[in-house]
Amino acid sequence: MPNNNSRWAWGAAIALSGTILAGCGSPSDRTVAMVGNTHILQSQLNLAVEASQVLQGVHLDRSSAATRSQAITLAEQQVVINWALSHHVTTTAQAYQAASKLIQTQIVPQLGGQAAFNRRLAGNNLTAADFQQYVTNQVIIQKTFDQVTAKVSLPSTATAQQYYLNNQAFYVSPPEVLVRNITVPTMSEAQSVMAQLKGGASFAALAARDSQDPDKAQGGSRGWVQIGASSALPTAWLPTVTSLKPGQMSIGKDALGYSIIEVQASRAGATIPFHAVQPAIQAELQQTAKEKAFDAWSQSLVHHQNVHLVNLG
């Protein structure tokens, strides 16, 4: 599937670019773009943006520059949709059925369930039918992408390895720390425990006696834990943990109360071997190649069409 950096990004990913929604419009609905003799209406542009907002959960840019870009994308995608239907890549009925399945099995669960999905529709003044048509068109684009890029092969091992060598900074596991903690309900209790530790008391013994954390059975030890975005440590601990050097302690607040946190040791992230990331690298490179091929093909298609903006300055 095209990724979110492509103008052809579509429905199964949460972030989408603005794309066409077929709509009838009203007699007063103004034309914003033309594809041959086909009018792209303001209402269609609005629906495309609103459907994207349903998926992203944020309001998209409505500046003049953004509107021009969205209208161009809308028109270009209409060219691809027209080509796909005229060349029998799929049918509207088949795409509609696929869209319905996609909405129920992927999009609705990803957005938090039917109630959350309905709230997003209502918040963007969309009906379920509007959104269904939007995703139907995305399915048509995806089917076209798959057909056009079917012959783009997986890059060789040598190509993947060269990419790995050129980007080794991306293939290093996060640094790790050896951490233990004692968690108590109040700050005054935490300060009392800290004073005992500084006086020479056993960390493991105080953890077994006083801590409310399940790790008390291991003397408060969390073992070796990665730090960074994927850390298994409580989020509230991370600023404290990253500020400590091995052998240092500090008090941090978390959901269970106040924790005396000690970093016992640290070690730098290790380089991830090529064989562990080779399949992911090859898939990424293949996807990038497919997007380039599809963009070149689609722009050639658009170039031979009479596509232009109207009433956008």
Protein backbone atom coordinates (compact mmCIF):
# COMPACT_ATOMS: atom_id res chain seq x y z
CA MET A 1 0.00 0.00 0.00
CA PRO A 2 1.34 3.48 -0.72
CA ASN A 3 2.69 5.06 2.43
CA ASN A 4 1.60 8.34 3.96
CA ASN A 5 4.28 10.38 2.20
CA SER A 6 2.76 9.61 -1.19
CA ARG A 7 -0.01 11.64 -2.80
CA TRP A 8 -1.73 8.27 -3.19
CA ALA A 9 -1.83 7.36 0.54
CA TRP A 10 -5.22 5.86 1.32
CA GLY A 11 -7.67 4.41 3.80
CA ALA A 12 -6.03 1.52 5.70
CA ALA A 13 -3.42 3.89 7.09
CA ILE A 14 -4.76 6.43 9.55
CA ALA A 15 -3.14 9.50 7.98
CA LEU A 16 -4.43 10.24 4.50
CA SER A 17 -3.95 12.86 1.86
CA GLY A 18 -7.07 14.59 0.55
CA THR A 19 -8.79 12.50 -2.09
CA ILE A 20 -11.94 12.48 -4.10
CA LEU A 21 -15.39 11.78 -2.82
CA ALA A 22 -18.00 11.37 -5.52
CA GLY A 23 -20.90 13.67 -4.75
CA CYS A 24 -23.78 15.22 -6.58
CA GLY A 25 -23.38 18.73 -5.19
CA SER A 26 -26.09 21.37 -5.45
CA PRO A 27 -27.06 23.67 -8.31
CA SER A 28 -25.07 26.48 -6.65
CA ASP A 29 -22.03 24.31 -5.91
CA ARG A 30 -19.00 25.92 -7.51
CA THR A 31 -16.42 24.11 -9.64
CA VAL A 32 -12.88 24.08 -8.22
CA ALA A 33 -11.19 21.95 -10.89
CA MET A 34 -11.82 20.31 -14.24
CA VAL A 35 -10.76 16.91 -15.52
CA GLY A 36 -11.61 17.07 -19.20
CA ASN A 37 -15.30 17.89 -19.14
CA THR A 38 -15.78 16.53 -15.60
CA HIS A 39 -16.36 19.12 -12.90
CA ILE A 40 -14.71 18.72 -9.48
CA LEU A 41 -16.96 20.57 -7.05
CA GLN A 42 -16.28 22.45 -3.84
CA SER A 43 -18.56 20.02 -2.03
CA GLN A 44 -16.41 17.11 -3.21
CA LEU A 45 -13.28 18.88 -2.00
CA ASN A 46 -14.89 19.57 1.38
CA LEU A 47 -15.98 15.95 1.74
CA ALA A 48 -12.49 14.71 0.90
CA VAL A 49 -10.92 16.91 3.56
CA GLU A 50 -13.58 16.01 6.12
CA ALA A 51 -13.16 12.28 5.49
CA SER A 52 -9.41 12.66 5.95
CA GLN A 53 -10.08 14.47 9.22
CA VAL A 54 -12.23 11.56 10.39
CA LEU A 55 -9.26 9.25 9.91
CA GLN A 56 -6.58 11.55 11.30
CA GLY A 57 -8.55 12.99 14.20
CA VAL A 58 -7.17 16.47 13.50
CA HIS A 59 -8.26 19.48 11.46
CA LEU A 60 -6.38 19.83 8.19
CA ASP A 61 -4.98 23.06 6.87
CA ARG A 62 -7.62 25.16 5.09
CA SER A 63 -5.30 27.90 3.85
CA SER A 64 -5.41 28.98 0.22
CA ALA A 65 -2.18 27.15 -0.56
CA ALA A 66 -3.42 23.95 1.08
CA THR A 67 -6.76 24.20 -0.74
CA ARG A 68 -4.99 24.50 -4.08
CA SER A 69 -2.86 21.45 -3.31
CA GLN A 70 -5.91 19.46 -2.20
CA ALA A 71 -7.83 20.41 -5.33
CA ILE A 72 -4.93 19.36 -7.56
CA THR A 73 -4.67 16.02 -5.75
CA LEU A 74 -8.40 15.56 -6.06
CA ALA A 75 -8.30 16.13 -9.80
CA GLU A 76 -5.25 13.90 -10.31
CA GLN A 77 -6.84 11.08 -8.37
CA GLN A 78 -9.99 11.45 -10.47
CA VAL A 79 -7.86 10.88 -13.56
CA VAL A 80 -6.53 7.63 -12.06
CA ILE A 81 -10.00 6.50 -10.97
CA ASN A 82 -11.42 7.18 -14.46
CA TRP A 83 -8.57 5.20 -16.03
CA ALA A 84 -9.00 2.30 -13.61
CA LEU A 85 -12.71 1.95 -14.26
CA SER A 86 -12.36 2.28 -18.03
CA HIS A 87 -9.56 -0.32 -18.05
CA HIS A 88 -11.52 -2.74 -15.84
CA VAL A 89 -8.97 -2.79 -13.03
CA THR A 90 -12.00 -3.22 -10.78
CA THR A 91 -15.64 -2.25 -10.76
CA THR A 92 -17.37 0.27 -8.55
CA ALA A 93 -19.43 -2.54 -7.02
CA GLN A 94 -16.37 -4.63 -6.20
CA ALA A 95 -14.58 -1.62 -4.72
CA TYR A 96 -17.67 -0.76 -2.67
CA GLN A 97 -17.75 -4.24 -1.16
CA ALA A 98 -14.03 -4.12 -0.37
CA ALA A 99 -14.44 -0.68 1.20
CA SER A 100 -17.26 -1.90 3.41
CA LYS A 101 -15.10 -4.74 4.70
CA LEU A 102 -12.14 -2.42 5.22
CA ILE A 103 -14.21 0.04 7.24
CA GLN A 104 -15.62 -2.61 9.54
CA THR A 105 -12.52 -4.77 10.02
CA GLN A 106 -9.75 -2.15 10.05
CA ILE A 107 -10.83 1.48 10.17
CA VAL A 108 -13.55 1.29 12.82
CA PRO A 109 -11.40 -0.79 15.23
CA GLN A 110 -8.39 1.50 14.67
CA LEU A 111 -10.50 4.53 15.54
CA GLY A 112 -11.70 3.01 18.81
CA GLY A 113 -14.91 1.23 17.86
CA GLN A 114 -18.23 2.10 16.26
CA ALA A 115 -19.25 4.77 18.79
CA ALA A 116 -15.97 6.64 18.40
CA PHE A 117 -16.20 6.32 14.62
CA ASN A 118 -19.75 7.71 14.62
CA ARG A 119 -18.63 10.66 16.75
CA ARG A 120 -15.90 11.49 14.27
CA LEU A 121 -18.36 11.33 11.38
CA ALA A 122 -20.77 13.65 13.18
CA GLY A 123 -17.97 16.03 14.16
CA ASN A 124 -17.04 16.39 10.49
CA ASN A 125 -20.63 16.61 9.20
CA LEU A 126 -20.30 13.36 7.27
CA THR A 127 -22.73 10.52 6.82
CA ALA A 128 -21.71 6.87 6.75
CA ALA A 129 -22.59 6.87 3.03
CA ASP A 130 -20.23 9.79 2.38
CA PHE A 131 -17.39 7.99 4.11
CA GLN A 132 -18.18 4.72 2.36
CA GLN A 133 -17.87 6.42 -1.02
CA TYR A 134 -14.59 8.03 0.01
CA VAL A 135 -13.08 4.68 0.97
CA THR A 136 -14.52 3.08 -2.18
CA ASN A 137 -12.50 5.51 -4.28
CA GLN A 138 -9.41 4.79 -2.19
CA VAL A 139 -9.86 1.08 -2.91
CA ILE A 140 -9.97 1.83 -6.64
CA ILE A 141 -6.71 3.80 -6.35
CA GLN A 142 -5.11 1.01 -4.32
CA LYS A 143 -6.13 -1.62 -6.88
CA THR A 144 -4.60 0.53 -9.59
CA PHE A 145 -1.41 0.98 -7.58
CA ASP A 146 -1.13 -2.79 -7.13
CA GLN A 147 -1.59 -3.46 -10.84
CA VAL A 148 0.76 -0.73 -12.07
CA THR A 149 3.55 -1.68 -9.66
CA ALA A 150 3.15 -5.46 -9.78
CA LYS A 151 6.45 -5.93 -11.64
CA VAL A 152 8.55 -3.86 -9.23
CA SER A 153 10.78 -6.54 -7.75
CA LEU A 154 12.25 -6.96 -4.30
CA PRO A 155 15.72 -5.34 -4.19
CA SER A 156 18.74 -7.61 -3.96
CA THR A 157 20.50 -8.53 -0.73
CA ALA A 158 23.47 -6.46 -1.87
CA THR A 159 21.30 -3.38 -2.36
CA ALA A 160 19.68 -3.84 1.04
CA GLN A 161 23.07 -4.32 2.69
CA GLN A 162 24.43 -1.15 1.13
CA TYR A 163 21.40 0.75 2.45
CA TYR A 164 22.04 -0.76 5.88
CA LEU A 165 25.69 0.33 5.82
CA ASN A 166 24.75 3.84 4.70
CA ASN A 167 22.18 4.21 7.49
CA GLN A 168 23.64 2.30 10.42
CA ALA A 169 22.60 4.95 12.93
CA PHE A 170 19.00 3.77 12.40
CA TYR A 171 19.85 0.18 13.24
CA VAL A 172 20.97 0.49 16.84
CA SER A 173 18.87 -0.80 19.71
CA PRO A 174 17.98 1.72 22.47
CA PRO A 175 20.35 2.09 25.43
CA GLU A 176 19.46 0.12 28.56
CA VAL A 177 19.61 0.71 32.30
CA LEU A 178 19.56 -1.68 35.25
CA VAL A 179 16.89 -0.19 37.50
CA ARG A 180 15.35 -0.92 40.87
CA ASN A 181 12.75 0.96 42.87
CA ILE A 182 10.87 1.23 46.14
CA THR A 183 7.36 2.66 45.83
CA VAL A 184 5.48 4.14 48.81
CA PRO A 185 2.23 6.15 49.06
CA THR A 186 3.51 9.57 50.16
CA MET A 187 6.45 11.88 49.62
CA SER A 188 7.25 11.92 53.34
CA GLU A 189 7.55 8.11 53.35
CA ALA A 190 9.73 8.26 50.23
CA GLN A 191 12.02 10.81 51.90
CA SER A 192 12.24 8.59 54.99
CA VAL A 193 13.24 5.57 52.88
CA MET A 194 15.77 7.68 50.97
CA ALA A 195 17.35 8.77 54.28
CA GLN A 196 17.63 5.15 55.38
CA LEU A 197 19.29 4.18 52.11
CA LYS A 198 21.78 7.01 52.39
CA GLY A 199 22.47 5.77 55.91
CA GLY A 200 23.52 2.40 54.57
CA ALA A 201 20.28 0.39 54.73
CA SER A 202 19.82 -2.48 52.26
CA PHE A 203 17.84 -1.43 49.18
CA ALA A 204 16.54 -4.97 48.66
CA ALA A 205 15.49 -5.32 52.31
CA LEU A 206 13.60 -2.00 52.33
CA ALA A 207 11.93 -2.88 49.03
CA ALA A 208 10.76 -6.24 50.40
CA ARG A 209 9.44 -4.54 53.54
CA ASP A 210 7.96 -1.24 52.35
CA SER A 211 7.44 -1.20 48.58
CA GLN A 212 3.96 -1.35 47.05
CA ASP A 213 5.37 -2.29 43.66
CA PRO A 214 5.04 -5.95 42.50
CA ASP A 215 8.82 -6.01 41.95
CA LYS A 216 9.36 -5.96 45.73
CA ALA A 217 9.75 -9.76 45.60
CA GLN A 218 12.91 -9.22 43.50
CA GLY A 219 14.29 -6.60 45.88
CA GLY A 220 12.69 -3.88 43.75
CA SER A 221 14.67 -4.86 40.66
CA ARG A 222 13.21 -4.20 37.21
CA GLY A 223 16.21 -5.78 35.53
CA TRP A 224 17.69 -4.36 32.35
CA VAL A 225 15.16 -2.05 30.69
CA GLN A 226 15.38 -0.06 27.45
CA ILE A 227 14.99 3.69 27.67
CA GLY A 228 13.37 5.80 24.99
CA ALA A 229 10.00 5.81 23.27
CA SER A 230 9.59 2.01 23.49
CA SER A 231 10.62 1.74 27.13
CA ALA A 232 8.70 -0.60 29.44
CA LEU A 233 9.30 1.79 32.33
CA PRO A 234 6.44 4.01 33.53
CA THR A 235 6.38 7.16 31.39
CA ALA A 236 6.59 9.34 34.50
CA TRP A 237 9.92 7.71 35.41
CA LEU A 238 11.74 8.42 32.17
CA PRO A 239 12.90 12.00 32.92
CA THR A 240 14.24 10.81 36.28
CA VAL A 241 15.91 7.67 34.92
CA THR A 242 17.60 9.47 32.03
CA SER A 243 18.99 12.10 34.41
CA LEU A 244 20.64 9.55 36.73
CA LYS A 245 24.11 8.08 36.43
CA PRO A 246 24.88 4.53 37.64
CA GLY A 247 24.80 4.44 41.41
CA GLN A 248 22.53 7.49 41.75
CA MET A 249 19.00 7.60 43.21
CA SER A 250 16.11 10.03 43.01
CA ILE A 251 12.41 10.24 43.89
CA GLY A 252 9.81 10.23 41.16
CA LYS A 253 6.01 10.28 41.21
CA ASP A 254 3.95 7.65 39.39
CA ALA A 255 0.50 6.06 39.44
CA LEU A 256 1.24 4.02 42.59
CA GLY A 257 2.68 6.90 44.60
CA TYR A 258 6.30 8.00 45.06
CA SER A 259 9.21 5.85 43.93
CA ILE A 260 12.81 5.88 45.02
CA ILE A 261 14.48 4.99 41.71
CA GLU A 262 18.05 3.80 41.47
CA VAL A 263 20.02 3.28 38.27
CA GLN A 264 22.48 0.53 39.13
CA ALA A 265 24.20 0.31 35.74
CA SER A 266 23.81 1.37 32.10
CA ARG A 267 24.92 0.13 28.72
CA ALA A 268 24.83 1.65 25.26
CA GLY A 269 22.55 0.39 22.55
CA ALA A 270 23.88 -2.43 20.40
CA THR A 271 24.06 -2.50 16.62
CA ILE A 272 21.27 -4.63 15.20
CA PRO A 273 22.79 -7.19 12.80
CA PHE A 274 21.92 -6.93 9.12
CA HIS A 275 20.23 -10.35 8.96
CA ALA A 276 17.71 -9.22 11.61
CA VAL A 277 16.57 -6.20 9.59
CA GLN A 278 17.17 -7.39 6.02
CA PRO A 279 13.50 -8.31 5.29
CA ALA A 280 12.25 -4.95 6.61
CA ILE A 281 14.85 -3.02 4.60
CA GLN A 282 14.03 -4.88 1.39
CA ALA A 283 10.30 -4.31 1.92
CA GLU A 284 10.88 -0.61 2.56
CA LEU A 285 13.05 -0.18 -0.52
CA GLN A 286 10.57 -2.08 -2.66
CA GLN A 287 7.72 0.09 -1.38
CA THR A 288 9.67 3.25 -2.16
CA ALA A 289 10.40 1.97 -5.66
CA LYS A 290 6.73 1.18 -6.18
CA GLU A 291 5.69 4.67 -5.12
CA LYS A 292 8.18 6.27 -7.49
CA ALA A 293 6.99 4.06 -10.35
CA PHE A 294 3.35 4.82 -9.63
CA ASP A 295 3.96 8.57 -9.31
CA ALA A 296 5.78 8.57 -12.66
CA TRP A 297 3.00 6.57 -14.30
CA SER A 298 0.19 8.66 -12.84
CA GLN A 299 1.85 11.98 -13.70
CA SER A 300 2.27 10.81 -17.28
CA LEU A 301 -1.43 9.94 -17.30
CA VAL A 302 -2.39 13.33 -15.85
CA HIS A 303 -0.12 15.11 -18.34
CA HIS A 304 -2.21 13.80 -21.23
CA GLN A 305 -5.46 14.99 -19.63
CA ASN A 306 -6.93 18.46 -19.57
CA VAL A 307 -6.64 19.09 -15.83
CA HIS A 308 -6.86 22.60 -14.41
CA LEU A 309 -8.08 24.54 -11.39
CA VAL A 310 -11.04 26.86 -11.45
CA ASN A 311 -12.01 29.71 -9.07
CA LEU A 312 -8.99 29.16 -6.80
CA GLY A 313 -7.03 32.22 -7.81
